[in-house]
Amino acid sequence: MWVQIALFVASLVISYLTRPKTNYDKPKPGTVETGAVAQAGGEIPVLFGTRDITGQNIVWYGDIKTKAIKKSGGKK
Protein backbone atom coordinates (compact mmCIF):
# COMPACT_ATOMS: atom_id res chain seq x y z
CA MET A 1 0.00 0.00 0.00
CA TRP A 2 2.80 2.46 0.87
CA VAL A 3 4.51 1.67 -2.43
CA GLN A 4 1.35 2.60 -4.32
CA ILE A 5 1.02 5.89 -2.43
CA ALA A 6 4.68 6.70 -3.10
CA LEU A 7 4.25 5.95 -6.82
CA PHE A 8 1.13 8.10 -6.92
CA VAL A 9 2.89 11.05 -5.29
CA ALA A 10 5.90 10.60 -7.59
CA SER A 11 3.65 10.58 -10.67
CA LEU A 12 1.90 13.75 -9.46
CA VAL A 13 5.24 15.52 -9.03
CA ILE A 14 6.48 14.39 -12.45
CA SER A 15 3.21 15.46 -14.09
CA TYR A 16 3.38 18.88 -12.45
CA LEU A 17 7.00 19.45 -13.47
CA THR A 18 6.56 18.32 -17.09
CA ARG A 19 3.28 20.05 -17.89
CA PRO A 20 3.40 22.69 -20.65
CA LYS A 21 3.63 26.27 -19.48
CA THR A 22 0.85 28.52 -20.75
CA ASN A 23 0.94 32.27 -21.16
CA TYR A 24 -2.52 33.74 -20.79
CA ASP A 25 -3.15 37.19 -22.21
CA LYS A 26 -5.01 39.21 -19.63
CA PRO A 27 -7.93 41.12 -21.17
CA LYS A 28 -7.92 44.85 -20.66
CA PRO A 29 -10.85 45.95 -18.52
CA GLY A 30 -13.41 48.04 -20.35
CA THR A 31 -12.68 46.64 -23.81
CA VAL A 32 -14.79 44.36 -25.95
CA GLU A 33 -13.35 42.25 -28.72
CA THR A 34 -14.23 43.68 -32.11
CA GLY A 35 -14.33 40.31 -33.87
CA ALA A 36 -17.98 39.43 -33.28
CA VAL A 37 -20.69 42.08 -33.21
CA ALA A 38 -24.46 41.99 -33.54
CA GLN A 39 -25.81 42.05 -37.07
CA ALA A 40 -29.31 43.00 -38.08
CA GLY A 41 -31.23 39.86 -39.02
CA GLY A 42 -28.54 37.54 -37.68
CA GLU A 43 -29.64 34.19 -36.28
CA ILE A 44 -29.24 33.39 -32.58
CA PRO A 45 -28.36 29.70 -32.27
CA VAL A 46 -29.83 27.56 -29.47
CA LEU A 47 -27.63 24.59 -28.69
CA PHE A 48 -28.09 21.54 -26.53
CA GLY A 49 -25.05 19.61 -25.39
CA THR A 50 -21.43 20.33 -26.29
CA ARG A 51 -20.99 21.93 -29.69
CA ASP A 52 -18.67 24.41 -31.43
CA ILE A 53 -20.21 27.68 -32.53
CA THR A 54 -18.73 29.29 -35.61
CA GLY A 55 -19.70 32.80 -36.64
CA GLN A 56 -20.88 34.24 -33.35
CA ASN A 57 -23.54 36.94 -33.16
CA ILE A 58 -23.08 38.72 -29.82
CA VAL A 59 -26.23 40.58 -28.87
CA TRP A 60 -25.32 41.51 -25.28
CA TYR A 61 -21.92 41.36 -23.58
CA GLY A 62 -22.70 42.16 -19.97
CA ASP A 63 -21.01 44.22 -17.30
CA ILE A 64 -17.47 44.99 -18.42
CA LYS A 65 -16.40 46.71 -15.17
CA THR A 66 -14.29 44.90 -12.61
CA LYS A 67 -14.36 45.40 -8.87
CA ALA A 68 -12.47 43.85 -5.99
CA ILE A 69 -14.09 41.18 -3.84
CA LYS A 70 -14.07 42.15 -0.18
CA LYS A 71 -14.43 39.32 2.29
CA SER A 72 -15.64 39.58 5.82
CA GLY A 73 -16.90 36.78 7.93
CA GLY A 74 -17.32 35.31 11.33
CA LYS A 75 -19.17 38.31 12.71
CA LYS A 76 -22.86 38.48 13.48
C-alpha atoms as a PDB file:
ATOM      1  CA  MET A   1       0.000   0.000   0.000  1.00  0.00           C
ATOM      2  CA  TRP A   2       2.800   2.458   0.867  1.00  0.00           C
ATOM      3  CA  VAL A   3       4.508   1.672  -2.429  1.00  0.00           C
ATOM      4  CA  GLN A   4       1.350   2.600  -4.322  1.00  0.00           C
ATOM      5  CA  ILE A   5       1.018   5.891  -2.433  1.00  0.00           C
ATOM      6  CA  ALA A   6       4.684   6.699  -3.102  1.00  0.00           C
ATOM      7  CA  LEU A   7       4.254   5.951  -6.817  1.00  0.00           C
ATOM      8  CA  PHE A   8       1.132   8.103  -6.917  1.00  0.00           C
ATOM      9  CA  VAL A   9       2.891  11.052  -5.289  1.00  0.00           C
ATOM     10  CA  ALA A  10       5.896  10.602  -7.594  1.00  0.00           C
ATOM     11  CA  SER A  11       3.653  10.576 -10.670  1.00  0.00           C
ATOM     12  CA  LEU A  12       1.904  13.749  -9.462  1.00  0.00           C
ATOM     13  CA  VAL A  13       5.241  15.523  -9.030  1.00  0.00           C
ATOM     14  CA  ILE A  14       6.480  14.392 -12.446  1.00  0.00           C
ATOM     15  CA  SER A  15       3.208  15.458 -14.095  1.00  0.00           C
ATOM     16  CA  TYR A  16       3.379  18.878 -12.451  1.00  0.00           C
ATOM     17  CA  LEU A  17       7.004  19.450 -13.471  1.00  0.00           C
ATOM     18  CA  THR A  18       6.561  18.320 -17.092  1.00  0.00           C
ATOM     19  CA  ARG A  19       3.285  20.051 -17.890  1.00  0.00           C
ATOM     20  CA  PRO A  20       3.396  22.689 -20.646  1.00  0.00           C
ATOM     21  CA  LYS A  21       3.627  26.268 -19.478  1.00  0.00           C
ATOM     22  CA  THR A  22       0.852  28.522 -20.748  1.00  0.00           C
ATOM     23  CA  ASN A  23       0.936  32.273 -21.157  1.00  0.00           C
ATOM     24  CA  TYR A  24      -2.516  33.745 -20.786  1.00  0.00           C
ATOM     25  CA  ASP A  25      -3.145  37.189 -22.210  1.00  0.00           C
ATOM     26  CA  LYS A  26      -5.014  39.212 -19.632  1.00  0.00           C
ATOM     27  CA  PRO A  27      -7.933  41.124 -21.169  1.00  0.00           C
ATOM     28  CA  LYS A  28      -7.916  44.851 -20.657  1.00  0.00           C
ATOM     29  CA  PRO A  29     -10.854  45.953 -18.520  1.00  0.00           C
ATOM     30  CA  GLY A  30     -13.410  48.035 -20.351  1.00  0.00           C
ATOM     31  CA  THR A  31     -12.683  46.637 -23.809  1.00  0.00           C
ATOM     32  CA  VAL A  32     -14.788  44.359 -25.947  1.00  0.00           C
ATOM     33  CA  GLU A  33     -13.348  42.254 -28.716  1.00  0.00           C
ATOM     34  CA  THR A  34     -14.234  43.678 -32.106  1.00  0.00           C
ATOM     35  CA  GLY A  35     -14.330  40.312 -33.874  1.00  0.00           C
ATOM     36  CA  ALA A  36     -17.982  39.432 -33.282  1.00  0.00           C
ATOM     37  CA  VAL A  37     -20.687  42.076 -33.213  1.00  0.00           C
ATOM     38  CA  ALA A  38     -24.457  41.992 -33.536  1.00  0.00           C
ATOM     39  CA  GLN A  39     -25.805  42.053 -37.067  1.00  0.00           C
ATOM     40  CA  ALA A  40     -29.312  42.999 -38.081  1.00  0.00           C
ATOM     41  CA  GLY A  41     -31.229  39.865 -39.019  1.00  0.00           C
ATOM     42  CA  GLY A  42     -28.541  37.535 -37.679  1.00  0.00           C
ATOM     43  CA  GLU A  43     -29.638  34.193 -36.276  1.00  0.00           C
ATOM     44  CA  ILE A  44     -29.243  33.394 -32.583  1.00  0.00           C
ATOM     45  CA  PRO A  45     -28.363  29.696 -32.267  1.00  0.00           C
ATOM     46  CA  VAL A  46     -29.833  27.562 -29.472  1.00  0.00           C
ATOM     47  CA  LEU A  47     -27.628  24.593 -28.691  1.00  0.00           C
ATOM     48  CA  PHE A  48     -28.085  21.540 -26.526  1.00  0.00           C
ATOM     49  CA  GLY A  49     -25.046  19.607 -25.389  1.00  0.00           C
ATOM     50  CA  THR A  50     -21.432  20.327 -26.285  1.00  0.00           C
ATOM     51  CA  ARG A  51     -20.986  21.929 -29.692  1.00  0.00           C
ATOM     52  CA  ASP A  52     -18.673  24.407 -31.430  1.00  0.00           C
ATOM     53  CA  ILE A  53     -20.208  27.683 -32.527  1.00  0.00           C
ATOM     54  CA  THR A  54     -18.731  29.289 -35.605  1.00  0.00           C
ATOM     55  CA  GLY A  55     -19.703  32.799 -36.642  1.00  0.00           C
ATOM     56  CA  GLN A  56     -20.883  34.244 -33.351  1.00  0.00           C
ATOM     57  CA  ASN A  57     -23.536  36.944 -33.161  1.00  0.00           C
ATOM     58  CA  ILE A  58     -23.076  38.719 -29.817  1.00  0.00           C
ATOM     59  CA  VAL A  59     -26.233  40.578 -28.870  1.00  0.00           C
ATOM     60  CA  TRP A  60     -25.321  41.506 -25.276  1.00  0.00           C
ATOM     61  CA  TYR A  61     -21.924  41.355 -23.578  1.00  0.00           C
ATOM     62  CA  GLY A  62     -22.698  42.163 -19.965  1.00  0.00           C
ATOM     63  CA  ASP A  63     -21.011  44.216 -17.299  1.00  0.00           C
ATOM     64  CA  ILE A  64     -17.466  44.992 -18.415  1.00  0.00           C
ATOM     65  CA  LYS A  65     -16.401  46.706 -15.173  1.00  0.00           C
ATOM     66  CA  THR A  66     -14.293  44.903 -12.609  1.00  0.00           C
ATOM     67  CA  LYS A  67     -14.357  45.400  -8.867  1.00  0.00           C
ATOM     68  CA  ALA A  68     -12.473  43.853  -5.986  1.00  0.00           C
ATOM     69  CA  ILE A  69     -14.089  41.179  -3.842  1.00  0.00           C
ATOM     70  CA  LYS A  70     -14.072  42.145  -0.179  1.00  0.00           C
ATOM     71  CA  LYS A  71     -14.428  39.321   2.295  1.00  0.00           C
ATOM     72  CA  SER A  72     -15.641  39.580   5.823  1.00  0.00           C
ATOM     73  CA  GLY A  73     -16.899  36.777   7.926  1.00  0.00           C
ATOM     74  CA  GLY A  74     -17.316  35.311  11.332  1.00  0.00           C
ATOM     75  CA  LYS A  75     -19.174  38.308  12.707  1.00  0.00           C
ATOM     76  CA  LYS A  76     -22.858  38.475  13.476  1.00  0.00           C
END
